[in-house]
Amino acid sequence: MSPTNKLDLRLNLNNDDKLPPIHVQLIDNFTNKKGMTSHCYRIAYRSMERSLTDEEINELQWNVREKVHSKLNVVLR
């Protein structure tokens, strides 16, 4: 299973009532000499009814960040 699918499944992002349907894509990963791995994800939020405002996107993004931090116990940059 890809890291993108693992992230989406573990966080249950597309089944969260507070989030519109989203698309998660792993776009880069890097492992340093100490063995720590970094992942870079592209997240697209979608609404079929209207355009989302910057404020709505910012709130959604912070909600995803909080979920990632609390459920996966990772360092966010």
Protein backbone atom coordinates (compact mmCIF):
# COMPACT_ATOMS: atom_id res chain seq x y z
CA MET A 1 0.00 0.00 0.00
CA SER A 2 1.35 3.44 -0.89
CA PRO A 3 2.16 6.08 1.76
CA THR A 4 -0.66 8.22 0.30
CA ASN A 5 -3.25 5.49 0.80
CA LYS A 6 -1.94 4.80 4.30
CA LEU A 7 -2.25 8.48 5.21
CA ASP A 8 -5.78 8.72 3.84
CA LEU A 9 -6.92 5.45 5.46
CA ARG A 10 -5.35 6.09 8.85
CA LEU A 11 -6.80 9.57 9.09
CA ASN A 12 -10.08 8.70 7.38
CA LEU A 13 -9.91 12.06 5.63
CA ASN A 14 -12.55 11.46 2.99
CA ASN A 15 -15.13 10.27 5.51
CA ASP A 16 -14.88 13.26 7.84
CA ASP A 17 -18.10 15.29 7.93
CA LYS A 18 -16.12 18.47 8.54
CA LEU A 19 -14.04 18.11 5.38
CA PRO A 20 -15.15 18.32 1.77
CA PRO A 21 -13.96 15.48 -0.47
CA ILE A 22 -10.21 15.69 -0.81
CA HIS A 23 -7.47 14.16 -2.91
CA VAL A 24 -4.16 13.29 -1.21
CA GLN A 25 -1.05 12.74 -3.32
CA LEU A 26 2.49 11.96 -2.17
CA ILE A 27 4.73 14.18 -4.31
CA ASP A 28 8.14 13.70 -2.69
CA ASN A 29 9.96 11.76 0.02
CA PHE A 30 13.47 11.97 1.39
CA THR A 31 15.48 9.89 3.86
CA ASN A 32 18.47 11.55 5.52
CA LYS A 33 21.69 9.90 6.72
CA LYS A 34 20.18 9.37 10.19
CA GLY A 35 17.32 7.35 8.69
CA MET A 36 14.60 9.95 9.24
CA THR A 37 12.11 10.11 6.38
CA SER A 38 10.24 13.20 5.20
CA HIS A 39 7.12 13.04 3.05
CA CYS A 40 5.61 15.91 1.07
CA TYR A 41 1.91 15.64 0.24
CA ARG A 42 -0.30 17.65 -2.07
CA ILE A 43 -3.84 17.94 -0.74
CA ALA A 44 -6.68 19.19 -2.97
CA TYR A 45 -9.97 20.19 -1.35
CA ARG A 46 -13.08 20.09 -3.54
CA SER A 47 -16.64 21.30 -3.33
CA MET A 48 -19.06 20.51 -6.14
CA GLU A 49 -21.41 23.27 -4.98
CA ARG A 50 -19.15 26.33 -4.94
CA SER A 51 -15.63 27.69 -4.79
CA LEU A 52 -14.07 27.44 -1.36
CA THR A 53 -12.74 30.64 0.19
CA ASP A 54 -9.16 31.10 1.38
CA GLU A 55 -10.44 31.21 4.96
CA GLU A 56 -12.25 27.89 4.53
CA ILE A 57 -9.17 26.26 2.99
CA ASN A 58 -6.97 27.57 5.80
CA GLU A 59 -9.33 26.15 8.42
CA LEU A 60 -9.49 22.81 6.60
CA GLN A 61 -5.71 22.69 6.32
CA TRP A 62 -5.26 23.32 10.05
CA ASN A 63 -7.82 20.60 10.82
CA VAL A 64 -5.88 18.13 8.66
CA ARG A 65 -2.60 19.17 10.32
CA GLU A 66 -4.11 18.63 13.78
CA LYS A 67 -5.41 15.21 12.75
CA VAL A 68 -2.05 14.19 11.28
CA HIS A 69 -0.18 15.33 14.38
CA SER A 70 -2.53 13.71 16.91
CA LYS A 71 -3.20 10.41 15.12
CA LEU A 72 0.18 9.76 13.51
CA ASN A 73 2.46 11.45 16.06
CA VAL A 74 4.67 13.02 13.41
CA VAL A 75 6.64 16.25 13.25
CA LEU A 76 5.03 18.78 10.90
CA ARG A 77 7.02 21.45 9.16
